[in-house]
Structure formats: structure tokens, C-alpha cells
C-alpha atoms as a PDB file:
ATOM      1  CA  UNK A   1    -116.325  39.580 120.348  1.00  0.00           C
ATOM      2  CA  UNK A   2    -117.583  39.764 123.933  1.00  0.00           C
ATOM      3  CA  UNK A   3    -119.997  37.217 125.388  1.00  0.00           C
ATOM      4  CA  UNK A   4    -122.679  39.905 125.509  1.00  0.00           C
ATOM      5  CA  UNK A   5    -122.156  40.764 121.825  1.00  0.00           C
ATOM      6  CA  UNK A   6    -122.228  37.084 120.898  1.00  0.00           C
ATOM      7  CA  UNK A   7    -125.474  36.628 122.817  1.00  0.00           C
ATOM      8  CA  UNK A   8    -127.071  39.598 121.096  1.00  0.00           C
ATOM      9  CA  UNK A   9    -125.970  38.317 117.698  1.00  0.00           C
ATOM     10  CA  UNK A  10    -127.456  34.892 118.431  1.00  0.00           C
ATOM     11  CA  UNK A  11    -130.757  36.419 119.573  1.00  0.00           C
ATOM     12  CA  UNK A  12    -130.964  38.472 116.390  1.00  0.00           C
ATOM     13  CA  UNK A  13    -130.281  35.379 114.312  1.00  0.00           C
ATOM     14  CA  UNK A  14    -132.979  33.403 116.125  1.00  0.00           C
ATOM     15  CA  UNK A  15    -135.479  36.251 115.687  1.00  0.00           C
ATOM     16  CA  UNK A  16    -134.735  36.403 111.957  1.00  0.00           C
ATOM     17  CA  UNK A  17    -135.157  32.628 111.616  1.00  0.00           C
ATOM     18  CA  UNK A  18    -138.467  32.827 113.490  1.00  0.00           C
ATOM     19  CA  UNK A  19    -139.676  35.500 111.114  1.00  0.00           C
ATOM     20  CA  UNK A  20    -138.731  33.450 108.063  1.00  0.00           C
ATOM     21  CA  UNK A  21    -140.194  30.248 109.491  1.00  0.00           C
ATOM     22  CA  UNK A  22    -143.477  31.934 110.362  1.00  0.00           C
ATOM     23  CA  UNK A  23    -143.721  33.431 106.871  1.00  0.00           C
ATOM     24  CA  UNK A  24    -143.010  30.010 105.366  1.00  0.00           C
ATOM     25  CA  UNK A  25    -145.584  28.253 107.540  1.00  0.00           C
ATOM     26  CA  UNK A  26    -148.216  30.857 106.637  1.00  0.00           C
ATOM     27  CA  UNK A  27    -147.614  30.192 102.952  1.00  0.00           C
ATOM     28  CA  UNK A  28    -147.498  26.418 103.407  1.00  0.00           C
ATOM     29  CA  UNK A  29    -150.800  26.524 105.325  1.00  0.00           C
ATOM     30  CA  UNK A  30    -152.397  28.602 102.582  1.00  0.00           C
ATOM     31  CA  UNK A  31    -150.987  26.982  99.426  1.00  0.00           C
ATOM     32  CA  UNK A  32    -149.406  23.676 100.395  1.00  0.00           C
ATOM     33  CA  UNK A  33    -145.752  22.881 100.976  1.00  0.00           C
ATOM     34  CA  UNK A  34    -144.944  21.718  97.431  1.00  0.00           C
ATOM     35  CA  UNK A  35    -146.295  24.772  95.629  1.00  0.00           C
ATOM     36  CA  UNK A  36    -144.461  27.432  97.632  1.00  0.00           C
ATOM     37  CA  UNK A  37    -141.026  28.596  96.432  1.00  0.00           C
ATOM     38  CA  UNK A  38    -138.133  29.940  98.445  1.00  0.00           C
ATOM     39  CA  UNK A  39    -138.458  33.186  96.503  1.00  0.00           C
ATOM     40  CA  UNK A  40    -142.062  33.564  97.683  1.00  0.00           C
ATOM     41  CA  UNK A  41    -141.018  32.897 101.268  1.00  0.00           C
ATOM     42  CA  UNK A  42    -138.248  35.469 100.998  1.00  0.00           C
ATOM     43  CA  UNK A  43    -140.674  38.064  99.666  1.00  0.00           C
ATOM     44  CA  UNK A  44    -143.141  37.392 102.481  1.00  0.00           C
ATOM     45  CA  UNK A  45    -140.378  37.621 105.086  1.00  0.00           C
ATOM     46  CA  UNK A  46    -138.932  40.753 103.443  1.00  0.00           C
ATOM     47  CA  UNK A  47    -135.512  39.181 103.034  1.00  0.00           C
ATOM     48  CA  UNK A  48    -133.443  38.009 100.070  1.00  0.00           C
ATOM     49  CA  UNK A  49    -133.600  34.374  98.866  1.00  0.00           C
ATOM     50  CA  UNK A  50    -129.856  34.071  99.466  1.00  0.00           C
ATOM     51  CA  UNK A  51    -130.398  35.063 103.115  1.00  0.00           C
ATOM     52  CA  UNK A  52    -133.105  32.414 103.463  1.00  0.00           C
ATOM     53  CA  UNK A  53    -130.655  29.782 102.237  1.00  0.00           C
ATOM     54  CA  UNK A  54    -127.923  31.172 104.489  1.00  0.00           C
ATOM     55  CA  UNK A  55    -130.112  30.729 107.555  1.00  0.00           C
ATOM     56  CA  UNK A  56    -131.745  27.397 106.691  1.00  0.00           C
ATOM     57  CA  UNK A  57    -129.835  25.726 103.878  1.00  0.00           C
ATOM     58  CA  UNK A  58    -132.878  23.911 102.503  1.00  0.00           C
ATOM     59  CA  UNK A  59    -136.600  24.480 102.183  1.00  0.00           C
ATOM     60  CA  UNK A  60    -137.249  21.460 104.402  1.00  0.00           C
ATOM     61  CA  UNK A  61    -135.331  23.024 107.280  1.00  0.00           C
ATOM     62  CA  UNK A  62    -137.796  25.911 107.369  1.00  0.00           C
ATOM     63  CA  UNK A  63    -140.275  23.384 108.758  1.00  0.00           C
ATOM     64  CA  UNK A  64    -137.891  21.183 110.738  1.00  0.00           C
ATOM     65  CA  UNK A  65    -135.809  23.876 112.449  1.00  0.00           C
ATOM     66  CA  UNK A  66    -136.327  24.201 116.192  1.00  0.00           C
ATOM     67  CA  UNK A  67    -134.376  26.702 118.260  1.00  0.00           C
ATOM     68  CA  UNK A  68    -134.627  24.491 121.344  1.00  0.00           C
ATOM     69  CA  UNK A  69    -132.460  21.665 119.928  1.00  0.00           C
ATOM     70  CA  UNK A  70    -129.037  23.154 120.896  1.00  0.00           C
ATOM     71  CA  UNK A  71    -130.313  23.922 124.417  1.00  0.00           C
ATOM     72  CA  UNK A  72    -131.399  20.338 125.029  1.00  0.00           C
ATOM     73  CA  UNK A  73    -127.899  18.891 124.676  1.00  0.00           C
ATOM     74  CA  UNK A  74    -126.463  21.509 127.019  1.00  0.00           C
ATOM     75  CA  UNK A  75    -129.142  20.904 129.651  1.00  0.00           C
ATOM     76  CA  UNK A  76    -128.733  17.144 129.368  1.00  0.00           C
ATOM     77  CA  UNK A  77    -125.003  17.364 130.069  1.00  0.00           C
ATOM     78  CA  UNK A  78    -125.804  19.170 133.302  1.00  0.00           C
ATOM     79  CA  UNK A  79    -128.567  16.735 134.347  1.00  0.00           C
ATOM     80  CA  UNK A  80    -126.417  13.645 133.716  1.00  0.00           C
ATOM     81  CA  UNK A  81    -124.098  14.781 136.500  1.00  0.00           C
ATOM     82  CA  UNK A  82    -126.740  14.020 139.117  1.00  0.00           C
ATOM     83  CA  UNK A  83    -129.382  11.692 137.670  1.00  0.00           C
ATOM     84  CA  UNK A  84    -129.637   8.336 135.870  1.00  0.00           C
ATOM     85  CA  UNK A  85    -129.796   8.700 132.057  1.00  0.00           C
ATOM     86  CA  UNK A  86    -133.527   8.063 131.602  1.00  0.00           C
ATOM     87  CA  UNK A  87    -134.457  10.434 134.414  1.00  0.00           C
ATOM     88  CA  UNK A  88    -132.023  13.045 133.093  1.00  0.00           C
ATOM     89  CA  UNK A  89    -133.587  12.988 129.617  1.00  0.00           C
ATOM     90  CA  UNK A  90    -137.063  13.004 131.136  1.00  0.00           C
ATOM     91  CA  UNK A  91    -136.319  16.093 133.251  1.00  0.00           C
ATOM     92  CA  UNK A  92    -134.808  17.973 130.323  1.00  0.00           C
ATOM     93  CA  UNK A  93    -137.656  17.244 127.920  1.00  0.00           C
ATOM     94  CA  UNK A  94    -140.511  17.883 130.344  1.00  0.00           C
ATOM     95  CA  UNK A  95    -138.946  21.054 131.732  1.00  0.00           C
ATOM     96  CA  UNK A  96    -138.405  22.373 128.219  1.00  0.00           C
ATOM     97  CA  UNK A  97    -141.967  21.589 127.142  1.00  0.00           C
ATOM     98  CA  UNK A  98    -143.363  23.063 130.348  1.00  0.00           C
ATOM     99  CA  UNK A  99    -141.621  26.332 129.532  1.00  0.00           C
ATOM    100  CA  UNK A 100    -143.064  26.658 126.035  1.00  0.00           C
ATOM    101  CA  UNK A 101    -145.268  29.652 125.348  1.00  0.00           C
ATOM    102  CA  UNK A 102    -148.658  29.127 123.685  1.00  0.00           C
ATOM    103  CA  UNK A 103    -147.258  30.469 120.423  1.00  0.00           C
ATOM    104  CA  UNK A 104    -144.361  27.996 120.561  1.00  0.00           C
ATOM    105  CA  UNK A 105    -146.759  25.066 120.967  1.00  0.00           C
ATOM    106  CA  UNK A 106    -148.928  26.293 118.097  1.00  0.00           C
ATOM    107  CA  UNK A 107    -145.884  26.599 115.858  1.00  0.00           C
ATOM    108  CA  UNK A 108    -144.842  23.037 116.738  1.00  0.00           C
ATOM    109  CA  UNK A 109    -148.325  21.817 115.827  1.00  0.00           C
ATOM    110  CA  UNK A 110    -148.194  23.597 112.466  1.00  0.00           C
ATOM    111  CA  UNK A 111    -144.792  22.069 111.727  1.00  0.00           C
ATOM    112  CA  UNK A 112    -145.963  18.578 112.668  1.00  0.00           C
ATOM    113  CA  UNK A 113    -149.016  18.854 110.400  1.00  0.00           C
ATOM    114  CA  UNK A 114    -146.780  19.527 107.414  1.00  0.00           C
ATOM    115  CA  UNK A 115    -144.243  16.835 108.335  1.00  0.00           C
ATOM    116  CA  UNK A 116    -146.946  14.203 108.711  1.00  0.00           C
ATOM    117  CA  UNK A 117    -148.601  15.051 105.392  1.00  0.00           C
ATOM    118  CA  UNK A 118    -145.670  15.567 103.012  1.00  0.00           C
ATOM    119  CA  UNK A 119    -143.371  12.704 101.858  1.00  0.00           C
ATOM    120  CA  UNK A 120    -140.406  15.033 101.295  1.00  0.00           C
ATOM    121  CA  UNK A 121    -140.623  16.354 104.822  1.00  0.00           C
ATOM    122  CA  UNK A 122    -141.109  12.852 106.237  1.00  0.00           C
ATOM    123  CA  UNK A 123    -137.906  11.741 104.529  1.00  0.00           C
ATOM    124  CA  UNK A 124    -136.020  14.785 105.806  1.00  0.00           C
ATOM    125  CA  UNK A 125    -137.339  14.109 109.303  1.00  0.00           C
ATOM    126  CA  UNK A 126    -135.957  10.567 109.210  1.00  0.00           C
ATOM    127  CA  UNK A 127    -132.469  11.943 108.683  1.00  0.00           C
ATOM    128  CA  UNK A 128    -132.934  14.484 111.440  1.00  0.00           C
ATOM    129  CA  UNK A 129    -134.169  11.807 113.847  1.00  0.00           C
ATOM    130  CA  UNK A 130    -131.082   9.702 113.157  1.00  0.00           C
ATOM    131  CA  UNK A 131    -128.866  12.711 113.773  1.00  0.00           C
ATOM    132  CA  UNK A 132    -130.656  13.459 117.056  1.00  0.00           C
ATOM    133  CA  UNK A 133    -130.170   9.848 118.177  1.00  0.00           C
ATOM    134  CA  UNK A 134    -126.454  10.028 117.412  1.00  0.00           C
ATOM    135  CA  UNK A 135    -126.083  13.347 119.237  1.00  0.00           C
ATOM    136  CA  UNK A 136    -127.895  11.978 122.279  1.00  0.00           C
ATOM    137  CA  UNK A 137    -125.599   8.957 122.192  1.00  0.00           C
ATOM    138  CA  UNK A 138    -122.509  11.160 122.092  1.00  0.00           C
ATOM    139  CA  UNK A 139    -123.709  13.283 125.019  1.00  0.00           C
ATOM    140  CA  UNK A 140    -124.676  10.215 127.033  1.00  0.00           C
ATOM    141  CA  UNK A 141    -121.413   8.392 126.283  1.00  0.00           C
ATOM    142  CA  UNK A 142    -119.371  11.403 127.342  1.00  0.00           C
ATOM    143  CA  UNK A 143    -121.372  11.752 130.551  1.00  0.00           C
ATOM    144  CA  UNK A 144    -120.947   8.075 131.427  1.00  0.00           C
ATOM    145  CA  UNK A 145    -117.346   7.758 130.292  1.00  0.00           C
ATOM    146  CA  UNK A 146    -118.223   5.151 127.676  1.00  0.00           C
ATOM    147  CA  UNK A 147    -117.490   4.935 123.943  1.00  0.00           C
ATOM    148  CA  UNK A 148    -120.228   6.308 121.698  1.00  0.00           C
ATOM    149  CA  UNK A 149    -120.548   2.883 120.009  1.00  0.00           C
ATOM    150  CA  UNK A 150    -121.364   1.159 123.332  1.00  0.00           C
ATOM    151  CA  UNK A 151    -124.390  -1.103 122.754  1.00  0.00           C
ATOM    152  CA  UNK A 152    -126.377   0.119 125.753  1.00  0.00           C
ATOM    153  CA  UNK A 153    -125.698   3.738 124.814  1.00  0.00           C
ATOM    154  CA  UNK A 154    -126.799   3.190 121.214  1.00  0.00           C
ATOM    155  CA  UNK A 155    -129.947   1.248 122.081  1.00  0.00           C
ATOM    156  CA  UNK A 156    -130.889   3.765 124.768  1.00  0.00           C
ATOM    157  CA  UNK A 157    -130.374   6.858 122.606  1.00  0.00           C
ATOM    158  CA  UNK A 158    -132.245   5.507 119.589  1.00  0.00           C
ATOM    159  CA  UNK A 159    -135.061   4.167 121.783  1.00  0.00           C
ATOM    160  CA  UNK A 160    -135.470   7.546 123.503  1.00  0.00           C
ATOM    161  CA  UNK A 161    -135.660   9.498 120.247  1.00  0.00           C
ATOM    162  CA  UNK A 162    -138.000   6.894 118.772  1.00  0.00           C
ATOM    163  CA  UNK A 163    -140.275   7.149 121.813  1.00  0.00           C
ATOM    164  CA  UNK A 164    -140.421  10.929 121.515  1.00  0.00           C
ATOM    165  CA  UNK A 165    -141.227  10.657 117.813  1.00  0.00           C
ATOM    166  CA  UNK A 166    -143.928   8.111 118.624  1.00  0.00           C
ATOM    167  CA  UNK A 167    -145.360  10.540 121.151  1.00  0.00           C
ATOM    168  CA  UNK A 168    -145.542  13.275 118.514  1.00  0.00           C
ATOM    169  CA  UNK A 169    -147.250  10.882 116.076  1.00  0.00           C
ATOM    170  CA  UNK A 170    -149.845  10.095 118.751  1.00  0.00           C
ATOM    171  CA  UNK A 171    -150.301  13.782 119.574  1.00  0.00           C
ATOM    172  CA  UNK A 172    -150.932  14.578 115.908  1.00  0.00           C
ATOM    173  CA  UNK A 173    -153.210  11.578 115.352  1.00  0.00           C
ATOM    174  CA  UNK A 174    -155.287  12.531 118.392  1.00  0.00           C
ATOM    175  CA  UNK A 175    -155.805  16.036 117.048  1.00  0.00           C
ATOM    176  CA  UNK A 176    -153.473  17.674 119.588  1.00  0.00           C
ATOM    177  CA  UNK A 177    -156.220  17.327 122.212  1.00  0.00           C
ATOM    178  CA  UNK A 178    -153.879  16.479 125.088  1.00  0.00           C
ATOM    179  CA  UNK A 179    -151.194  18.840 126.377  1.00  0.00           C
ATOM    180  CA  UNK A 180    -147.833  17.891 124.868  1.00  0.00           C
ATOM    181  CA  UNK A 181    -146.289  17.536 128.318  1.00  0.00           C
ATOM    182  CA  UNK A 182    -148.832  14.852 129.275  1.00  0.00           C
ATOM    183  CA  UNK A 183    -148.156  12.907 126.071  1.00  0.00           C
ATOM    184  CA  UNK A 184    -144.402  12.937 126.695  1.00  0.00           C
ATOM    185  CA  UNK A 185    -144.872  11.983 130.356  1.00  0.00           C
ATOM    186  CA  UNK A 186    -146.809   8.915 129.222  1.00  0.00           C
ATOM    187  CA  UNK A 187    -144.115   8.086 126.664  1.00  0.00           C
ATOM    188  CA  UNK A 188    -141.455   8.144 129.381  1.00  0.00           C
ATOM    189  CA  UNK A 189    -143.659   5.998 131.629  1.00  0.00           C
ATOM    190  CA  UNK A 190    -143.843   3.386 128.866  1.00  0.00           C
ATOM    191  CA  UNK A 191    -140.042   3.380 128.668  1.00  0.00           C
ATOM    192  CA  UNK A 192    -139.685   3.175 132.449  1.00  0.00           C
ATOM    193  CA  UNK A 193    -142.068   0.227 132.645  1.00  0.00           C
ATOM    194  CA  UNK A 194    -140.045  -1.842 130.205  1.00  0.00           C
ATOM    195  CA  UNK A 195    -141.241  -0.830 126.741  1.00  0.00           C
ATOM    196  CA  UNK A 196    -143.988  -3.420 126.353  1.00  0.00           C
ATOM    197  CA  UNK A 197    -147.569  -3.231 125.042  1.00  0.00           C
ATOM    198  CA  UNK A 198    -150.567  -3.938 127.281  1.00  0.00           C
ATOM    199  CA  UNK A 199    -152.489  -6.527 125.243  1.00  0.00           C
ATOM    200  CA  UNK A 200    -155.672  -5.984 127.251  1.00  0.00           C
ATOM    201  CA  UNK A 201    -155.834  -2.219 126.742  1.00  0.00           C
ATOM    202  CA  UNK A 202    -157.559  -2.387 123.385  1.00  0.00           C
ATOM    203  CA  UNK A 203    -160.128  -5.020 124.327  1.00  0.00           C
END
């Protein structure tokens, strides 16, 4: 298969997954996550239930899936060649968010609403967050020529992913009023300044 054919196949796959995810989110918004079946999602997306499972594996992944995840690791590998780790991650995340279309941001908001309000999705997210931390650690370790179990690498990677998750919690809790890019910029500033809490800010 040529590179062009492979690219076309991947674009078709992504488009199909978008269609299924949008159909699922519409149903979840209307009826609630727990009450909707995979069969109902398949019918709404005009696809077979077996195809839904082939694309996503689980019902939870129809909320958690994000097509940008594979791109982030690739971009980070490139950035690590010329920037310190924290700055490299910052550039990748902010550039990616800056490039999101309005529809992409709205879809992220819909996904977050369901994750934050459903225990099953919260539990699934915890596993995904751990996996993202481990992947970041592997990419960082390879870029720095260190073992993946290196203490600094592990603390850094888990702190970064935790900070991003904390930023999304804040964004949701504040009603998505601020642009996502501004929230993440502030999260990175907190990390850069030493990850402490200003005790006078709430007084």
C-alpha cells in the first residue's frame, strides 16, 4: 500500500469515527449515557454494531476517543530536539489547541460534560490518563536518552498529564467561559513557577 493510499484510508477511518462519535454524543445528550445502547448508536450512525465495536472497542471510548492523541506524541518528538521538555510539551499542546476548529472545541466540551458526570466514564478516564502519562514518559525518555523508569522522567510526565487534567476540570467547573488555550497557558505557568499554591489568592 502506498503512503497516499494509507493516508486516504486513515482519513476515511477518522471520518467514520467522527460520525459515530457525534451520533453517540447526540444520543447521550438527549437520553443520558447509561440509557443509550451500542445498537442505538449504530442505528443513528447508519452502521452495524459490530463496526462500532471494531472502531472503538468499548462504549466508553466513544466519549474518550480523540483523534489528536497520536499526533501529539509525534509532534513532541520533534520539539524535544530543540527545546527543554516543559517548553516542548507546552508548545505542542498550545499549538494543537490553537489549531482547533470551533466544532472541535464544542465536541471536546460535550465529551468533558459526560466524563465529569458519569462514574463509569470517570473510571475509564483514570486508566486513559495513566496510559497518557506512561506514553509521555516513554517519548521523553527516548528524547533525553534516559530509561523510562527514570525518577525525573516519571515525575515530570505524570505531573504534566495531571496538570492538563486539572486544567480541564477547571474549564468545566467554570462553565467553559475562558478559551481553552488560556486555561492551558495558565496551567503551564503554574508548573513553570514551581507547582505551588498562592495562599493569598483566595483571601
